[in-house]
Protein backbone atom coordinates (compact mmCIF):
# COMPACT_ATOMS: atom_id res chain seq x y z
CA MET A 1 -57.33 17.99 -2.95
CA ALA A 2 -54.35 20.76 -4.48
CA PHE A 3 -53.37 21.19 -1.12
CA VAL A 4 -53.37 17.48 -0.36
CA SER A 5 -51.50 16.16 -3.69
CA SER A 6 -48.75 19.44 -2.87
CA GLY A 7 -47.64 17.78 0.26
CA TYR A 8 -49.59 20.77 2.39
CA ASP A 9 -49.24 20.15 6.28
CA PRO A 10 -51.42 22.39 8.08
CA ASN A 11 -49.45 21.27 11.48
CA GLU A 12 -46.49 22.92 9.61
CA PRO A 13 -47.84 25.67 6.85
CA MET A 14 -44.47 26.82 6.34
CA LYS A 15 -43.01 23.71 5.82
CA ASP A 16 -41.75 22.89 2.13
CA ARG A 17 -43.87 25.89 1.18
CA ILE A 18 -44.15 26.27 -2.96
CA SER A 19 -45.39 28.87 -4.93
CA ASP A 20 -48.60 27.49 -6.05
CA ILE A 21 -50.44 27.49 -3.41
CA GLY A 22 -49.88 31.19 -2.45
CA PRO A 23 -47.27 33.70 -2.42
CA ARG A 24 -44.16 32.95 -0.99
CA LYS A 25 -43.37 34.84 2.23
CA TYR A 26 -42.54 38.19 2.24
CA ASP A 27 -39.24 37.92 4.71
CA GLU A 28 -37.84 35.78 2.25
CA PHE A 29 -37.26 38.92 0.16
CA TYR A 30 -35.76 41.30 2.80
CA PRO A 31 -31.94 42.83 2.12
CA PRO A 32 -29.62 40.87 4.74
CA VAL A 33 -29.62 43.97 6.44
CA ILE A 34 -32.76 44.62 6.99
CA ALA A 35 -33.48 40.97 8.00
CA LYS A 36 -30.62 41.35 10.66
CA ASN A 37 -32.09 44.60 11.83
CA LYS A 38 -35.88 43.90 11.89
CA GLY A 39 -37.62 45.50 14.60
CA LYS A 40 -34.43 47.04 15.99
CA TRP A 41 -34.50 50.62 13.96
CA LEU A 42 -32.92 53.47 16.12
CA TYR A 43 -34.04 56.50 13.92
CA HIS A 44 -34.34 57.27 9.81
CA GLU A 45 -33.66 60.42 8.25
CA ILE A 46 -34.35 62.19 4.88
CA LEU A 47 -30.87 63.11 3.75
CA GLU A 48 -32.46 65.02 0.59
CA PRO A 49 -35.27 64.60 -1.70
CA GLY A 50 -35.82 60.90 -2.56
CA VAL A 51 -32.90 59.78 -0.44
CA LEU A 52 -33.15 58.11 3.17
CA VAL A 53 -31.19 56.52 5.51
CA HIS A 54 -32.32 54.15 8.37
CA VAL A 55 -29.93 53.70 11.44
CA ALA A 56 -30.42 50.72 13.43
CA GLU A 57 -29.48 49.84 16.71
CA SER A 58 -25.94 47.71 15.82
CA GLY A 59 -25.08 50.73 13.74
CA ASP A 60 -25.88 49.35 10.57
CA GLU A 61 -27.51 51.70 8.13
CA VAL A 62 -29.74 51.17 5.01
CA TYR A 63 -29.63 53.90 2.24
CA THR A 64 -33.25 54.02 0.25
CA VAL A 65 -33.31 55.78 -3.20
CA ARG A 66 -36.85 56.19 -3.93
CA VAL A 67 -38.29 57.14 -7.59
CA GLY A 68 -41.06 57.51 -9.51
CA GLY A 69 -42.95 54.52 -11.11
CA ALA A 70 -46.00 54.02 -12.90
CA ARG A 71 -48.98 51.70 -11.97
CA LEU A 72 -49.17 49.93 -15.76
CA MET A 73 -45.42 48.79 -16.45
CA SER A 74 -44.12 46.75 -20.14
CA VAL A 75 -42.38 43.88 -19.25
CA SER A 76 -39.36 45.38 -20.77
CA MET A 77 -39.77 48.27 -17.93
CA VAL A 78 -40.14 45.70 -15.03
CA GLU A 79 -36.60 43.86 -16.08
CA GLU A 80 -34.87 47.14 -16.37
CA ILE A 81 -35.52 47.80 -13.30
CA CYS A 82 -34.73 44.45 -12.06
CA GLN A 83 -31.48 44.85 -13.97
CA ILE A 84 -30.64 48.30 -11.59
CA ALA A 85 -31.51 46.23 -8.55
CA ASP A 86 -29.08 43.47 -9.61
CA LYS A 87 -26.37 45.88 -10.25
CA HIS A 88 -26.48 47.99 -7.40
CA CYS A 89 -28.47 46.14 -4.81
CA ASP A 90 -27.63 42.68 -4.76
CA GLY A 91 -31.04 42.22 -6.65
CA HIS A 92 -33.26 43.75 -3.78
CA VAL A 93 -35.99 46.29 -4.54
CA ARG A 94 -39.14 47.20 -3.35
CA TRP A 95 -42.52 49.19 -4.51
CA THR A 96 -44.36 51.53 -2.27
CA THR A 97 -48.11 51.84 -2.20
CA ARG A 98 -48.03 54.85 -4.26
CA ASN A 99 -46.27 53.18 -7.12
CA ASN A 100 -42.55 54.37 -6.44
CA ILE A 101 -39.87 52.33 -6.54
CA GLU A 102 -37.21 51.90 -3.73
CA PHE A 103 -33.74 50.82 -4.07
CA MET A 104 -32.12 49.91 -1.12
CA VAL A 105 -28.15 49.75 -0.43
CA ASP A 106 -26.48 49.01 2.77
CA SER A 107 -23.71 51.47 2.37
CA LYS A 108 -23.21 55.18 1.91
CA ASP A 109 -20.80 54.69 -0.84
CA LYS A 110 -23.00 52.89 -3.06
CA VAL A 111 -25.78 55.65 -3.12
CA GLU A 112 -24.15 58.42 -5.58
CA PRO A 113 -23.22 55.60 -8.32
CA LEU A 114 -26.92 54.35 -8.11
CA LYS A 115 -28.65 57.65 -8.25
CA GLN A 116 -26.13 58.45 -11.07
CA ASP A 117 -27.63 55.23 -12.94
CA LEU A 118 -30.65 55.92 -12.53
CA SER A 119 -30.80 59.91 -13.74
CA SER A 120 -28.77 58.66 -16.64
CA ARG A 121 -31.51 56.65 -17.93
CA LYS A 122 -34.43 58.21 -19.97
CA PHE A 123 -36.83 57.81 -22.48
CA ASP A 124 -36.67 58.50 -26.33
CA GLY A 125 -38.84 61.75 -25.63
CA GLY A 126 -36.06 62.83 -23.18
CA SER A 127 -38.37 62.78 -19.83
CA PHE A 128 -36.69 60.91 -16.96
CA LYS A 129 -37.27 56.78 -16.78
CA PHE A 130 -36.95 56.93 -12.97
CA PRO A 131 -37.25 60.68 -11.13
CA ILE A 132 -35.66 60.46 -7.99
CA GLY A 133 -38.11 62.13 -5.29
CA GLY A 134 -41.03 61.79 -3.81
CA THR A 135 -40.32 62.13 0.09
CA GLY A 136 -41.03 64.19 3.00
CA ASN A 137 -43.44 67.07 2.04
CA SER A 138 -43.32 66.65 -1.31
CA ILE A 139 -45.88 65.36 -3.97
CA THR A 140 -45.36 62.17 -4.60
CA ASN A 141 -46.94 59.68 -6.85
CA ILE A 142 -50.76 59.90 -7.88
CA VAL A 143 -52.48 56.50 -6.79
CA HIS A 144 -55.13 55.44 -9.23
CA THR A 145 -57.12 53.01 -10.93
CA GLN A 146 -57.56 51.42 -14.15
CA GLY A 147 -58.89 54.09 -16.78
CA TRP A 148 -60.15 53.72 -20.26
CA LEU A 149 -57.67 50.61 -20.82
CA HIS A 150 -58.69 48.31 -18.00
CA CYS A 151 -61.95 48.92 -16.60
CA HIS A 152 -65.82 49.06 -18.49
CA THR A 153 -66.99 51.87 -16.23
CA PRO A 154 -64.76 54.85 -16.07
CA ALA A 155 -65.92 58.14 -16.93
CA THR A 156 -62.56 59.37 -17.75
CA ASP A 157 -59.18 57.97 -18.16
CA ALA A 158 -56.53 57.33 -15.36
CA SER A 159 -53.17 57.29 -16.87
CA GLY A 160 -54.05 60.15 -19.25
CA PRO A 161 -55.12 62.68 -16.36
CA VAL A 162 -52.47 61.19 -13.75
CA LYS A 163 -49.29 61.94 -16.44
CA ALA A 164 -50.61 65.44 -17.32
CA THR A 165 -51.27 66.20 -13.95
CA MET A 166 -47.84 64.91 -12.49
CA ASP A 167 -46.06 66.86 -15.57
CA VAL A 168 -47.20 70.19 -14.10
CA LEU A 169 -46.69 69.12 -10.58
CA PHE A 170 -42.99 67.60 -11.49
CA ASP A 171 -40.83 70.02 -9.62
CA ASP A 172 -42.43 69.43 -6.50
CA PHE A 173 -41.87 65.43 -6.91
CA GLN A 174 -38.01 66.47 -6.42
CA THR A 175 -38.23 69.12 -3.93
CA MET A 176 -39.66 68.95 -0.30
CA ARG A 177 -41.19 72.67 -0.25
CA MET A 178 -44.89 71.81 0.37
CA PRO A 179 -45.87 72.75 4.45
CA ALA A 180 -46.73 68.89 4.71
CA LYS A 181 -47.05 65.67 2.60
CA LEU A 182 -49.53 66.58 -0.50
CA ARG A 183 -51.52 63.23 -1.53
CA VAL A 184 -53.27 63.34 -4.95
CA SER A 185 -55.54 60.44 -6.29
CA LEU A 186 -57.55 59.52 -8.86
CA ALA A 187 -60.49 57.01 -9.41
CA CYS A 188 -62.10 57.18 -12.67
CA CYS A 189 -65.67 56.63 -11.83
CA LEU A 190 -67.77 56.64 -8.39
CA ASN A 191 -67.17 52.82 -7.95
CA MET A 192 -63.81 53.99 -6.66
CA CYS A 193 -61.27 51.40 -6.66
CA GLY A 194 -58.45 54.70 -5.90
CA ALA A 195 -58.47 56.87 -2.58
CA VAL A 196 -60.44 59.85 -3.39
CA HIS A 197 -62.61 59.89 -0.78
CA CYS A 198 -59.20 60.42 1.78
CA SER A 199 -56.94 62.62 -0.48
CA ASP A 200 -55.56 65.95 -0.08
CA ILE A 201 -56.27 66.48 -3.46
CA ALA A 202 -58.87 64.05 -5.47
CA ILE A 203 -59.35 63.71 -9.67
CA LEU A 204 -62.70 61.68 -9.99
CA GLY A 205 -64.41 60.42 -13.02
CA TYR A 206 -67.90 61.17 -12.69
CA HIS A 207 -70.64 60.20 -15.04
CA ARG A 208 -73.77 62.48 -15.70
CA LYS A 209 -76.18 60.81 -17.47
CA PRO A 210 -78.32 57.61 -16.73
CA PRO A 211 -77.45 54.18 -18.78
CA MET A 212 -78.88 53.74 -22.63
CA ILE A 213 -81.10 50.79 -22.92
CA ASP A 214 -80.53 48.94 -25.89
CA HIS A 215 -83.71 47.04 -26.12
CA GLU A 216 -83.25 45.33 -29.01
CA TYR A 217 -80.30 42.95 -27.51
CA LEU A 218 -81.09 43.35 -23.82
CA ASP A 219 -83.27 40.20 -23.14
CA LYS A 220 -80.82 38.18 -25.47
CA MET A 221 -77.44 39.27 -23.98
CA CYS A 222 -78.38 39.91 -20.26
CA GLU A 223 -80.04 37.95 -17.30
CA ILE A 224 -82.48 40.86 -16.45
CA PRO A 225 -83.13 39.89 -12.58
CA LEU A 226 -79.33 40.19 -12.47
CA ALA A 227 -79.34 43.81 -13.89
CA ILE A 228 -82.05 44.80 -11.81
CA ALA A 229 -80.76 43.50 -8.62
CA ALA A 230 -77.22 45.10 -9.25
CA CYS A 231 -78.79 48.72 -8.87
CA PRO A 232 -77.95 49.86 -5.24
CA THR A 233 -80.63 52.71 -5.38
CA ALA A 234 -83.47 50.32 -6.96
CA ALA A 235 -83.74 52.29 -10.14
CA ILE A 236 -84.52 49.85 -12.35
CA LYS A 237 -87.21 47.65 -13.18
CA PRO A 238 -88.61 45.21 -15.25
CA ALA A 239 -90.31 46.37 -18.65
CA LYS A 240 -91.97 45.30 -22.25
CA HIS A 241 -90.64 47.62 -25.01
CA GLU A 242 -92.31 47.45 -28.46
CA LEU A 243 -89.34 47.48 -31.59
CA PRO A 244 -90.04 49.19 -34.54
CA SER A 245 -90.66 46.06 -36.20
CA GLY A 246 -93.53 45.47 -33.83
CA GLU A 247 -91.87 43.00 -31.91
CA LYS A 248 -92.44 42.88 -28.25
CA VAL A 249 -89.18 42.19 -26.27
CA ASN A 250 -88.58 41.77 -22.30
CA THR A 251 -86.37 44.80 -21.17
CA VAL A 252 -85.87 47.24 -18.27
CA ALA A 253 -87.20 50.63 -17.42
CA ILE A 254 -84.81 53.02 -15.42
CA LYS A 255 -86.17 55.83 -13.44
CA ASN A 256 -83.56 58.55 -14.00
CA SER A 257 -84.26 60.67 -10.88
CA ARG A 258 -82.81 57.22 -8.76
CA CYS A 259 -79.60 56.55 -10.86
CA MET A 260 -76.44 57.46 -9.24
CA PHE A 261 -74.51 56.62 -12.37
CA CYS A 262 -72.61 53.99 -10.85
CA GLY A 263 -72.42 51.55 -13.80
CA ASN A 264 -73.25 48.30 -11.57
CA CYS A 265 -75.53 47.30 -14.25
CA TYR A 266 -73.54 47.79 -16.78
CA THR A 267 -71.29 45.23 -15.12
CA MET A 268 -74.09 42.71 -15.33
CA CYS A 269 -75.57 43.48 -18.86
CA PRO A 270 -73.48 44.82 -21.54
CA SER A 271 -77.15 46.46 -22.98
CA LEU A 272 -76.87 49.11 -20.32
CA PRO A 273 -73.78 51.07 -21.84
CA LEU A 274 -73.16 54.32 -19.45
CA ALA A 275 -69.86 55.91 -21.07
CA ASP A 276 -70.85 59.20 -23.20
CA ASP A 277 -68.72 61.92 -24.62
CA VAL A 278 -70.68 64.56 -23.41
CA GLY A 279 -72.14 63.21 -19.95
CA ASP A 280 -68.92 61.78 -18.90
CA GLY A 281 -65.92 64.55 -17.13
CA ILE A 282 -64.17 64.82 -14.08
CA VAL A 283 -64.90 66.19 -10.53
CA ILE A 284 -62.04 67.79 -8.17
CA MET A 285 -62.41 67.22 -4.68
CA ALA A 286 -60.18 68.41 -1.80
CA GLY A 287 -59.18 68.27 1.88
CA GLY A 288 -59.11 64.87 2.88
CA LYS A 289 -56.38 62.48 4.92
CA VAL A 290 -55.88 59.43 6.55
CA SER A 291 -53.55 60.47 9.21
CA ASN A 292 -54.49 61.20 12.74
CA ARG A 293 -51.89 63.70 13.21
CA ILE A 294 -52.56 67.13 14.68
CA THR A 295 -56.50 66.53 13.74
CA ALA A 296 -58.50 63.62 12.75
CA PRO A 297 -58.99 61.96 9.60
CA LYS A 298 -61.12 63.86 7.14
CA PHE A 299 -63.03 63.06 3.93
CA SER A 300 -62.53 64.94 0.90
CA LYS A 301 -64.84 67.63 -0.07
CA VAL A 302 -66.55 68.51 -3.88
CA VAL A 303 -64.46 71.59 -4.94
CA VAL A 304 -65.29 71.68 -8.67
CA ALA A 305 -68.35 70.18 -9.62
CA PHE A 306 -67.22 69.07 -13.40
CA LEU A 307 -64.61 69.62 -15.93
CA PRO A 308 -64.65 68.09 -19.29
CA ASN A 309 -62.45 64.99 -20.72
CA ASN A 310 -59.87 67.03 -22.77
CA ALA A 311 -57.79 64.54 -23.31
CA PRO A 312 -54.72 63.81 -24.00
CA ARG A 313 -53.86 66.92 -22.08
CA TRP A 314 -57.06 67.80 -19.58
CA PRO A 315 -55.82 71.30 -19.56
CA GLU A 316 -58.76 72.45 -17.48
CA THR A 317 -57.84 69.57 -14.73
CA THR A 318 -54.33 70.45 -14.60
CA GLU A 319 -55.08 74.20 -14.15
CA VAL A 320 -57.46 73.72 -11.25
CA ILE A 321 -54.96 71.34 -9.39
CA LYS A 322 -51.79 73.62 -9.99
CA LYS A 323 -53.68 76.59 -8.50
CA MET A 324 -54.47 74.85 -5.61
CA VAL A 325 -51.37 73.74 -4.96
CA GLU A 326 -49.61 76.87 -5.28
CA THR A 327 -52.22 78.53 -3.03
CA TYR A 328 -51.38 75.97 -0.10
CA ALA A 329 -48.11 75.69 -0.78
CA LYS A 330 -47.78 79.88 -0.15
CA ASN A 331 -50.27 79.86 2.39
CA ALA A 332 -50.56 76.99 4.61
CA ARG A 333 -48.33 76.73 7.91
CA LYS A 334 -45.36 74.60 8.35
CA TYR A 335 -46.85 70.83 8.66
CA GLU A 336 -50.67 71.99 7.74
CA ARG A 337 -52.04 69.64 5.17
CA LEU A 338 -54.32 70.83 2.93
CA GLY A 339 -57.41 70.66 4.43
CA GLU A 340 -56.45 71.53 7.54
CA TRP A 341 -55.43 74.51 6.03
CA ALA A 342 -58.48 75.18 4.39
CA GLU A 343 -60.69 74.74 7.95
CA ARG A 344 -58.58 77.15 9.34
CA ILE A 345 -58.99 80.07 6.66
CA GLY A 346 -62.67 78.66 6.24
CA TRP A 347 -64.19 76.77 3.16
CA GLU A 348 -65.22 80.07 2.00
CA ARG A 349 -62.07 81.80 1.90
CA PHE A 350 -60.50 78.73 0.23
CA PHE A 351 -63.22 78.82 -2.87
CA ASP A 352 -61.99 82.63 -3.04
CA VAL A 353 -58.02 82.34 -2.62
CA CYS A 354 -57.92 79.05 -5.18
CA GLU A 355 -60.37 80.86 -7.38
CA LEU A 356 -62.54 78.29 -7.70
CA GLU A 357 -66.15 79.07 -8.30
CA PHE A 358 -68.77 78.06 -5.35
CA THR A 359 -72.25 76.60 -6.20
CA HIS A 360 -75.19 75.23 -4.01
CA HIS A 361 -74.42 72.19 -5.35
CA LEU A 362 -71.14 72.03 -3.49
CA ILE A 363 -72.57 72.18 0.27
CA ASP A 364 -71.81 69.33 1.97
CA ASP A 365 -75.27 68.47 3.81
CA PHE A 366 -74.57 64.21 4.23
CA ARG A 367 -75.64 63.29 7.83
CA ASP A 368 -75.59 60.15 8.96
CA PRO A 369 -76.38 59.02 13.08
CA ALA A 370 -72.57 57.48 12.46
CA TYR A 371 -71.59 60.68 11.50
CA TYR A 372 -72.04 61.67 15.10
CA THR A 373 -71.78 58.65 16.95
CA TRP A 374 -68.84 56.30 15.35
CA ARG A 375 -65.18 56.58 17.07
CA GLN A 376 -63.63 57.52 13.58
CA THR A 377 -59.86 58.35 14.89
CA THR A 378 -57.61 57.18 17.63
CA GLN A 379 -57.64 60.84 18.98
CA PHE A 380 -59.42 60.85 22.35
CA LYS A 381 -62.74 62.51 22.89
CA PHE A 382 -64.62 63.42 26.61
């Protein structure tokens, strides 16, 4: 009835469109020069780290200044971004999929004032609010998940390790010295709402212990069938438990050998908490990519089985990542992604030059009929 009462006409879905039945159509927000030249662009170039130019058939140019942003922003930060867009870009601004912010202007004369304004804005601690960079063969912003602040099943934080990691990689955000683009991602648990399965370097929060069971309150707080059904490995079954008081209660039992520490049961039942200060930590993965360029897309591989959650700076994690980045930058060939470099020199050599300890837990023995039969790439195979 909401559609009918709002005057929605299925034969003319865009007529009198209003925001309470979905987002406004995206092309309403194009800068005029982009709306004018859509589909008619000749080429683009990276003029310097963080600054791009797109040239259209008509001769029109669009200059883009990319700055690092954050996945979680305050209202005042968003308001400041809008003020910059109003001042320099006629109110137009866009976000990238990796939480960078792009300000677009239609004249080269407007680029330098925009850059100077962005570079002049700093936090009270002295760091840049809007660092310019993240283009080409650089380390751009880290895409990440929710972390301790917003999620109930993380094994590590998201914003914390990302901030600590980008602090040690910041110089490579503002330069383009990498052999190829290098993408870093973080997912704070195995449910992985981040792209760690296909990133050059990935930070993954990992639980090592099965859920604890609060027998006393479980039947009062949870629907036991839901908790059982939520388990993807059938590790949970109904059970009875006798409390110290002698009372017998309905509860569940967990077969630890089947548990994969995903936390799905905790989503259904708060009496099955998974978080643990000793069992939770970080896994480092490497070698993944989405691109079809040169070689087919690749899955990331585990290269460090476990690192502790040493907040707030996560020194063990940042040390490993910095070492991998420096070794890759020094040894890979031009245009070679991290996984392609590792496969060329051999993964054994990769562990050696990156000074990573290899254990039998890191052997990739996953095989599935789809692994061989599904076409996983647009590249032709004969």
